[in-house]
Amino acid sequence: MLIALGILMIATFTYLIMSNRMSSFTALTLVPATVAIIGGFGSQVDAMMLAGIRKVASSAAFLLFALFFFGTMIEAGMFDPAI
């Protein structure tokens, strides 16, 4: 049952994102939460989401820093070839 729900979840948010019916953030947040509730994990969804955020927070911070840093460097022309 859980395998079928997992495959259905991946197919659902892939379809929603690729057909532009939902933004990627919304689809990747709402679809797994809905599937978890359908799968019988309704009382544990909040704890699962907080645990997931704690696991990826440091990676997200590094990614955000890299985006801002390299975006600023590109806008400043630091990576333009010397002519």
C-alpha atoms as a PDB file:
ATOM      1  CA  MET A   1       0.000   0.000   0.000  1.00  0.00           C
ATOM      2  CA  LEU A   2       2.771   2.457   0.894  1.00  0.00           C
ATOM      3  CA  ILE A   3       4.642   1.679  -2.327  1.00  0.00           C
ATOM      4  CA  ALA A   4       1.528   2.444  -4.368  1.00  0.00           C
ATOM      5  CA  LEU A   5       0.991   5.704  -2.457  1.00  0.00           C
ATOM      6  CA  GLY A   6       4.627   6.682  -3.015  1.00  0.00           C
ATOM      7  CA  ILE A   7       4.471   6.047  -6.745  1.00  0.00           C
ATOM      8  CA  LEU A   8       1.134   7.884  -6.951  1.00  0.00           C
ATOM      9  CA  MET A   9       2.612  10.818  -5.040  1.00  0.00           C
ATOM     10  CA  ILE A  10       5.630  11.112  -7.349  1.00  0.00           C
ATOM     11  CA  ALA A  11       3.447  10.832 -10.453  1.00  0.00           C
ATOM     12  CA  THR A  12       1.013  13.417  -9.085  1.00  0.00           C
ATOM     13  CA  PHE A  13       3.498  16.138  -8.238  1.00  0.00           C
ATOM     14  CA  THR A  14       5.452  15.482 -11.429  1.00  0.00           C
ATOM     15  CA  TYR A  15       2.257  15.943 -13.441  1.00  0.00           C
ATOM     16  CA  LEU A  16       1.241  19.071 -11.500  1.00  0.00           C
ATOM     17  CA  ILE A  17       4.638  20.699 -11.947  1.00  0.00           C
ATOM     18  CA  MET A  18       5.126  19.778 -15.607  1.00  0.00           C
ATOM     19  CA  SER A  19       1.615  20.868 -16.608  1.00  0.00           C
ATOM     20  CA  ASN A  20       2.065  24.212 -14.786  1.00  0.00           C
ATOM     21  CA  ARG A  21      -1.027  23.607 -12.658  1.00  0.00           C
ATOM     22  CA  MET A  22       0.967  24.273  -9.463  1.00  0.00           C
ATOM     23  CA  SER A  23       4.282  25.846  -8.626  1.00  0.00           C
ATOM     24  CA  SER A  24       7.000  23.409  -7.653  1.00  0.00           C
ATOM     25  CA  PHE A  25       7.112  24.593  -4.030  1.00  0.00           C
ATOM     26  CA  THR A  26       3.365  24.217  -3.595  1.00  0.00           C
ATOM     27  CA  ALA A  27       3.198  20.810  -5.265  1.00  0.00           C
ATOM     28  CA  LEU A  28       6.193  19.450  -3.350  1.00  0.00           C
ATOM     29  CA  THR A  29       4.626  20.627  -0.082  1.00  0.00           C
ATOM     30  CA  LEU A  30       0.929  19.858  -0.434  1.00  0.00           C
ATOM     31  CA  VAL A  31       1.019  16.553  -2.326  1.00  0.00           C
ATOM     32  CA  PRO A  32       3.244  14.650   0.158  1.00  0.00           C
ATOM     33  CA  ALA A  33       1.267  16.055   3.112  1.00  0.00           C
ATOM     34  CA  THR A  34      -1.994  14.959   1.511  1.00  0.00           C
ATOM     35  CA  VAL A  35      -0.634  11.496   0.699  1.00  0.00           C
ATOM     36  CA  ALA A  36       0.652  11.132   4.276  1.00  0.00           C
ATOM     37  CA  ILE A  37      -2.813  11.932   5.615  1.00  0.00           C
ATOM     38  CA  ILE A  38      -4.403   9.455   3.197  1.00  0.00           C
ATOM     39  CA  GLY A  39      -1.808   6.838   4.227  1.00  0.00           C
ATOM     40  CA  GLY A  40      -2.826   7.104   7.882  1.00  0.00           C
ATOM     41  CA  PHE A  41       0.014   9.270   9.159  1.00  0.00           C
ATOM     42  CA  GLY A  42      -2.202  12.295   9.855  1.00  0.00           C
ATOM     43  CA  SER A  43      -1.123  12.726  13.466  1.00  0.00           C
ATOM     44  CA  GLN A  44       2.581  12.554  12.545  1.00  0.00           C
ATOM     45  CA  VAL A  45       2.654  14.867   9.512  1.00  0.00           C
ATOM     46  CA  ASP A  46       3.739  17.949  11.461  1.00  0.00           C
ATOM     47  CA  ALA A  47       6.610  16.122  13.171  1.00  0.00           C
ATOM     48  CA  MET A  48       7.718  14.578   9.855  1.00  0.00           C
ATOM     49  CA  MET A  49       7.741  17.975   8.136  1.00  0.00           C
ATOM     50  CA  LEU A  50       9.752  19.595  10.932  1.00  0.00           C
ATOM     51  CA  ALA A  51      12.259  16.719  10.913  1.00  0.00           C
ATOM     52  CA  GLY A  52      12.651  17.085   7.141  1.00  0.00           C
ATOM     53  CA  ILE A  53      13.213  20.838   7.415  1.00  0.00           C
ATOM     54  CA  ARG A  54      15.854  20.295  10.113  1.00  0.00           C
ATOM     55  CA  LYS A  55      17.694  17.810   7.886  1.00  0.00           C
ATOM     56  CA  VAL A  56      17.893  20.105   4.852  1.00  0.00           C
ATOM     57  CA  ALA A  57      18.226  23.503   6.567  1.00  0.00           C
ATOM     58  CA  SER A  58      22.022  23.623   6.393  1.00  0.00           C
ATOM     59  CA  SER A  59      22.076  22.589   2.729  1.00  0.00           C
ATOM     60  CA  ALA A  60      19.398  25.156   1.926  1.00  0.00           C
ATOM     61  CA  ALA A  61      21.426  27.874   3.669  1.00  0.00           C
ATOM     62  CA  PHE A  62      24.538  26.990   1.634  1.00  0.00           C
ATOM     63  CA  LEU A  63      22.524  26.990  -1.592  1.00  0.00           C
ATOM     64  CA  LEU A  64      20.941  30.355  -0.779  1.00  0.00           C
ATOM     65  CA  PHE A  65      24.354  31.837  -0.001  1.00  0.00           C
ATOM     66  CA  ALA A  66      25.805  30.489  -3.262  1.00  0.00           C
ATOM     67  CA  LEU A  67      22.921  31.937  -5.281  1.00  0.00           C
ATOM     68  CA  PHE A  68      23.302  35.385  -3.733  1.00  0.00           C
ATOM     69  CA  PHE A  69      27.106  35.365  -3.872  1.00  0.00           C
ATOM     70  CA  PHE A  70      27.486  34.229  -7.470  1.00  0.00           C
ATOM     71  CA  GLY A  71      24.539  36.350  -8.600  1.00  0.00           C
ATOM     72  CA  THR A  72      26.258  39.411  -7.160  1.00  0.00           C
ATOM     73  CA  MET A  73      29.589  38.457  -8.717  1.00  0.00           C
ATOM     74  CA  ILE A  74      27.998  37.948 -12.147  1.00  0.00           C
ATOM     75  CA  GLU A  75      26.173  41.292 -11.939  1.00  0.00           C
ATOM     76  CA  ALA A  76      29.408  43.000 -10.950  1.00  0.00           C
ATOM     77  CA  GLY A  77      31.104  41.577 -14.053  1.00  0.00           C
ATOM     78  CA  MET A  78      33.681  39.524 -12.213  1.00  0.00           C
ATOM     79  CA  PHE A  79      33.253  36.541 -14.533  1.00  0.00           C
ATOM     80  CA  ASP A  80      33.285  38.517 -17.777  1.00  0.00           C
ATOM     81  CA  PRO A  81      36.182  37.463 -19.980  1.00  0.00           C
ATOM     82  CA  ALA A  82      39.096  39.898 -20.120  1.00  0.00           C
ATOM     83  CA  ILE A  83      39.236  41.447 -23.580  1.00  0.00           C
END
